[in-house]
Amino acid sequence: DGKFHRLPKEFEFLSIDPLGAWILWWFGDARRDYPPYKAISSDDLDTPKKKAT
């Protein structure tokens, strides 16, 4: 689509516990080079299913 996306096309939300979700929300995942989840917009997600999550 020619737009900048903060996440790779293969990005999937992880199934994790509440503490893990809190950490990802505020700090992201440095190992995978993902930004804090609070900075992700629906435009960064490539499918309607991911956008609805």
PDB file of N, CA and C in Angstrom:
ATOM      1  N   ASP A   1       0.809  -1.201   0.000  1.00  0.00           N
ATOM      2  CA  ASP A   1       0.000   0.000   0.000  1.00  0.00           C
ATOM      3  C   ASP A   1       0.847   1.258   0.000  1.00  0.00           C
ATOM      4  N   GLY A   2       2.174   1.107   0.111  1.00  0.00           N
ATOM      5  CA  GLY A   2       3.068   2.247   0.040  1.00  0.00           C
ATOM      6  C   GLY A   2       3.144   3.106   1.281  1.00  0.00           C
ATOM      7  N   LYS A   3       2.460   2.723   2.357  1.00  0.00           N
ATOM      8  CA  LYS A   3       2.462   3.501   3.593  1.00  0.00           C
ATOM      9  C   LYS A   3       3.479   2.944   4.581  1.00  0.00           C
ATOM     10  N   PHE A   4       3.940   3.797   5.498  1.00  0.00           N
ATOM     11  CA  PHE A   4       4.824   3.368   6.576  1.00  0.00           C
ATOM     12  C   PHE A   4       4.003   2.644   7.641  1.00  0.00           C
ATOM     13  N   HIS A   5       4.486   1.495   8.075  1.00  0.00           N
ATOM     14  CA  HIS A   5       3.838   0.734   9.140  1.00  0.00           C
ATOM     15  C   HIS A   5       4.860   0.459  10.235  1.00  0.00           C
ATOM     16  N   ARG A   6       4.447   0.598  11.486  1.00  0.00           N
ATOM     17  CA  ARG A   6       5.337   0.364  12.618  1.00  0.00           C
ATOM     18  C   ARG A   6       5.616  -1.119  12.849  1.00  0.00           C
ATOM     19  N   LEU A   7       4.804  -1.974  12.246  1.00  0.00           N
ATOM     20  CA  LEU A   7       4.908  -3.414  12.471  1.00  0.00           C
ATOM     21  C   LEU A   7       5.111  -4.148  11.156  1.00  0.00           C
ATOM     22  N   PRO A   8       5.808  -5.299  11.197  1.00  0.00           N
ATOM     23  CA  PRO A   8       5.963  -6.087   9.973  1.00  0.00           C
ATOM     24  C   PRO A   8       4.638  -6.737   9.574  1.00  0.00           C
ATOM     25  N   LYS A   9       4.522  -7.113   8.331  1.00  0.00           N
ATOM     26  CA  LYS A   9       3.295  -7.722   7.815  1.00  0.00           C
ATOM     27  C   LYS A   9       2.941  -8.996   8.574  1.00  0.00           C
ATOM     28  N   GLU A  10       3.935  -9.749   9.033  1.00  0.00           N
ATOM     29  CA  GLU A  10       3.683 -11.026   9.720  1.00  0.00           C
ATOM     30  C   GLU A  10       3.349 -10.866  11.207  1.00  0.00           C
ATOM     31  N   PHE A  11       3.206  -9.630  11.689  1.00  0.00           N
ATOM     32  CA  PHE A  11       2.896  -9.388  13.097  1.00  0.00           C
ATOM     33  C   PHE A  11       1.604 -10.083  13.512  1.00  0.00           C
ATOM     34  N   GLU A  12       1.628 -10.718  14.678  1.00  0.00           N
ATOM     35  CA  GLU A  12       0.444 -11.331  15.291  1.00  0.00           C
ATOM     36  C   GLU A  12       0.431 -10.935  16.762  1.00  0.00           C
ATOM     37  N   PHE A  13      -0.749 -10.645  17.306  1.00  0.00           N
ATOM     38  CA  PHE A  13      -0.855 -10.395  18.732  1.00  0.00           C
ATOM     39  C   PHE A  13      -0.605 -11.699  19.475  1.00  0.00           C
ATOM     40  N   LEU A  14       0.151 -11.629  20.546  1.00  0.00           N
ATOM     41  CA  LEU A  14       0.461 -12.807  21.345  1.00  0.00           C
ATOM     42  C   LEU A  14      -0.663 -13.119  22.321  1.00  0.00           C
ATOM     43  N   SER A  15      -0.796 -14.380  22.661  1.00  0.00           N
ATOM     44  CA  SER A  15      -1.731 -14.795  23.704  1.00  0.00           C
ATOM     45  C   SER A  15      -0.921 -14.858  24.999  1.00  0.00           C
ATOM     46  N   ILE A  16      -1.111 -13.859  25.873  1.00  0.00           N
ATOM     47  CA  ILE A  16      -0.280 -13.745  27.071  1.00  0.00           C
ATOM     48  C   ILE A  16      -1.122 -13.381  28.285  1.00  0.00           C
ATOM     49  N   ASP A  17      -0.479 -13.398  29.440  1.00  0.00           N
ATOM     50  CA  ASP A  17      -1.164 -13.063  30.691  1.00  0.00           C
ATOM     51  C   ASP A  17      -1.273 -11.539  30.850  1.00  0.00           C
ATOM     52  N   PRO A  18      -2.057 -11.069  31.813  1.00  0.00           N
ATOM     53  CA  PRO A  18      -2.246  -9.620  31.991  1.00  0.00           C
ATOM     54  C   PRO A  18      -0.944  -8.846  32.224  1.00  0.00           C
ATOM     55  N   LEU A  19      -0.014  -9.396  32.982  1.00  0.00           N
ATOM     56  CA  LEU A  19       1.249  -8.689  33.218  1.00  0.00           C
ATOM     57  C   LEU A  19       2.024  -8.536  31.915  1.00  0.00           C
ATOM     58  N   GLY A  20       2.070  -9.590  31.124  1.00  0.00           N
ATOM     59  CA  GLY A  20       2.751  -9.515  29.833  1.00  0.00           C
ATOM     60  C   GLY A  20       2.113  -8.485  28.921  1.00  0.00           C
ATOM     61  N   ALA A  21       0.777  -8.418  28.930  1.00  0.00           N
ATOM     62  CA  ALA A  21       0.065  -7.431  28.116  1.00  0.00           C
ATOM     63  C   ALA A  21       0.396  -6.016  28.582  1.00  0.00           C
ATOM     64  N   TRP A  22       0.469  -5.815  29.893  1.00  0.00           N
ATOM     65  CA  TRP A  22       0.804  -4.499  30.440  1.00  0.00           C
ATOM     66  C   TRP A  22       2.207  -4.088  29.997  1.00  0.00           C
ATOM     67  N   ILE A  23       3.138  -5.014  30.065  1.00  0.00           N
ATOM     68  CA  ILE A  23       4.521  -4.722  29.659  1.00  0.00           C
ATOM     69  C   ILE A  23       4.578  -4.365  28.178  1.00  0.00           C
ATOM     70  N   LEU A  24       3.892  -5.146  27.329  1.00  0.00           N
ATOM     71  CA  LEU A  24       3.880  -4.843  25.898  1.00  0.00           C
ATOM     72  C   LEU A  24       3.205  -3.505  25.612  1.00  0.00           C
ATOM     73  N   TRP A  25       2.144  -3.185  26.352  1.00  0.00           N
ATOM     74  CA  TRP A  25       1.436  -1.918  26.154  1.00  0.00           C
ATOM     75  C   TRP A  25       2.365  -0.732  26.391  1.00  0.00           C
ATOM     76  N   TRP A  26       3.134  -0.789  27.462  1.00  0.00           N
ATOM     77  CA  TRP A  26       3.990   0.338  27.831  1.00  0.00           C
ATOM     78  C   TRP A  26       5.376   0.311  27.212  1.00  0.00           C
ATOM     79  N   PHE A  27       5.952  -0.874  26.974  1.00  0.00           N
ATOM     80  CA  PHE A  27       7.354  -0.966  26.564  1.00  0.00           C
ATOM     81  C   PHE A  27       7.588  -1.629  25.216  1.00  0.00           C
ATOM     82  N   GLY A  28       6.603  -2.341  24.679  1.00  0.00           N
ATOM     83  CA  GLY A  28       6.802  -3.031  23.413  1.00  0.00           C
ATOM     84  C   GLY A  28       7.636  -4.286  23.601  1.00  0.00           C
ATOM     85  N   ASP A  29       8.197  -4.767  22.520  1.00  0.00           N
ATOM     86  CA  ASP A  29       9.009  -5.985  22.533  1.00  0.00           C
ATOM     87  C   ASP A  29      10.312  -5.686  21.807  1.00  0.00           C
ATOM     88  N   ALA A  30      11.354  -5.361  22.556  1.00  0.00           N
ATOM     89  CA  ALA A  30      12.642  -4.986  21.969  1.00  0.00           C
ATOM     90  C   ALA A  30      13.256  -6.143  21.185  1.00  0.00           C
ATOM     91  N   ARG A  31      13.027  -7.357  21.646  1.00  0.00           N
ATOM     92  CA  ARG A  31      13.596  -8.529  20.967  1.00  0.00           C
ATOM     93  C   ARG A  31      13.057  -8.639  19.535  1.00  0.00           C
ATOM     94  N   ARG A  32      11.800  -8.310  19.345  1.00  0.00           N
ATOM     95  CA  ARG A  32      11.185  -8.368  18.012  1.00  0.00           C
ATOM     96  C   ARG A  32      11.151  -6.996  17.332  1.00  0.00           C
ATOM     97  N   ASP A  33      11.669  -5.979  18.008  1.00  0.00           N
ATOM     98  CA  ASP A  33      11.687  -4.604  17.506  1.00  0.00           C
ATOM     99  C   ASP A  33      10.273  -4.057  17.286  1.00  0.00           C
ATOM    100  N   TYR A  34       9.342  -4.385  18.206  1.00  0.00           N
ATOM    101  CA  TYR A  34       7.974  -3.861  18.176  1.00  0.00           C
ATOM    102  C   TYR A  34       7.897  -2.672  19.117  1.00  0.00           C
ATOM    103  N   PRO A  35       7.213  -1.616  18.712  1.00  0.00           N
ATOM    104  CA  PRO A  35       7.053  -0.450  19.589  1.00  0.00           C
ATOM    105  C   PRO A  35       6.076  -0.771  20.719  1.00  0.00           C
ATOM    106  N   PRO A  36       5.959   0.101  21.715  1.00  0.00           N
ATOM    107  CA  PRO A  36       4.907  -0.096  22.722  1.00  0.00           C
ATOM    108  C   PRO A  36       3.557  -0.226  22.019  1.00  0.00           C
ATOM    109  N   TYR A  37       2.756  -1.173  22.474  1.00  0.00           N
ATOM    110  CA  TYR A  37       1.471  -1.420  21.821  1.00  0.00           C
ATOM    111  C   TYR A  37       0.563  -0.199  21.875  1.00  0.00           C
ATOM    112  N   LYS A  38       0.748   0.675  22.860  1.00  0.00           N
ATOM    113  CA  LYS A  38      -0.091   1.875  22.930  1.00  0.00           C
ATOM    114  C   LYS A  38       0.159   2.798  21.736  1.00  0.00           C
ATOM    115  N   ALA A  39       1.287   2.631  21.039  1.00  0.00           N
ATOM    116  CA  ALA A  39       1.622   3.469  19.889  1.00  0.00           C
ATOM    117  C   ALA A  39       1.141   2.874  18.566  1.00  0.00           C
ATOM    118  N   ILE A  40       0.578   1.671  18.595  1.00  0.00           N
ATOM    119  CA  ILE A  40       0.123   1.009  17.373  1.00  0.00           C
ATOM    120  C   ILE A  40      -1.261   1.535  16.995  1.00  0.00           C
ATOM    121  N   SER A  41      -1.400   1.939  15.751  1.00  0.00           N
ATOM    122  CA  SER A  41      -2.726   2.367  15.271  1.00  0.00           C
ATOM    123  C   SER A  41      -3.282   1.287  14.345  1.00  0.00           C
ATOM    124  N   SER A  42      -4.552   1.363  14.052  1.00  0.00           N
ATOM    125  CA  SER A  42      -5.152   0.365  13.163  1.00  0.00           C
ATOM    126  C   SER A  42      -4.518   0.408  11.775  1.00  0.00           C
ATOM    127  N   ASP A  43      -3.969   1.539  11.375  1.00  0.00           N
ATOM    128  CA  ASP A  43      -3.291   1.636  10.080  1.00  0.00           C
ATOM    129  C   ASP A  43      -2.010   0.815  10.032  1.00  0.00           C
ATOM    130  N   ASP A  44      -1.449   0.475  11.194  1.00  0.00           N
ATOM    131  CA  ASP A  44      -0.236  -0.338  11.253  1.00  0.00           C
ATOM    132  C   ASP A  44      -0.534  -1.824  11.073  1.00  0.00           C
ATOM    133  N   LEU A  45      -1.799  -2.209  11.158  1.00  0.00           N
ATOM    134  CA  LEU A  45      -2.198  -3.608  11.059  1.00  0.00           C
ATOM    135  C   LEU A  45      -2.726  -3.879   9.660  1.00  0.00           C
ATOM    136  N   ASP A  46      -2.381  -5.044   9.111  1.00  0.00           N
ATOM    137  CA  ASP A  46      -2.662  -5.282   7.695  1.00  0.00           C
ATOM    138  C   ASP A  46      -3.958  -6.022   7.373  1.00  0.00           C
ATOM    139  N   THR A  47      -4.678  -6.544   8.362  1.00  0.00           N
ATOM    140  CA  THR A  47      -5.915  -7.262   8.054  1.00  0.00           C
ATOM    141  C   THR A  47      -7.062  -6.766   8.930  1.00  0.00           C
ATOM    142  N   PRO A  48      -8.279  -6.877   8.441  1.00  0.00           N
ATOM    143  CA  PRO A  48      -9.436  -6.470   9.262  1.00  0.00           C
ATOM    144  C   PRO A  48      -9.513  -7.238  10.579  1.00  0.00           C
ATOM    145  N   LYS A  49      -9.125  -8.516  10.573  1.00  0.00           N
ATOM    146  CA  LYS A  49      -9.158  -9.314  11.807  1.00  0.00           C
ATOM    147  C   LYS A  49      -8.208  -8.721  12.844  1.00  0.00           C
ATOM    148  N   LYS A  50      -6.997  -8.364  12.431  1.00  0.00           N
ATOM    149  CA  LYS A  50      -6.036  -7.769  13.359  1.00  0.00           C
ATOM    150  C   LYS A  50      -6.521  -6.397  13.826  1.00  0.00           C
ATOM    151  N   LYS A  51      -7.129  -5.633  12.934  1.00  0.00           N
ATOM    152  CA  LYS A  51      -7.611  -4.301  13.292  1.00  0.00           C
ATOM    153  C   LYS A  51      -8.724  -4.362  14.326  1.00  0.00           C
ATOM    154  N   ALA A  52      -9.488  -5.447  14.340  1.00  0.00           N
ATOM    155  CA  ALA A  52     -10.600  -5.600  15.279  1.00  0.00           C
ATOM    156  C   ALA A  52     -10.147  -6.086  16.647  1.00  0.00           C
ATOM    157  N   THR A  53      -8.895  -6.499  16.769  1.00  0.00           N
ATOM    158  CA  THR A  53      -8.385  -7.038  18.032  1.00  0.00           C
ATOM    159  C   THR A  53      -8.214  -5.955  19.065  1.00  0.00           C
TER     160      THR A  53
END
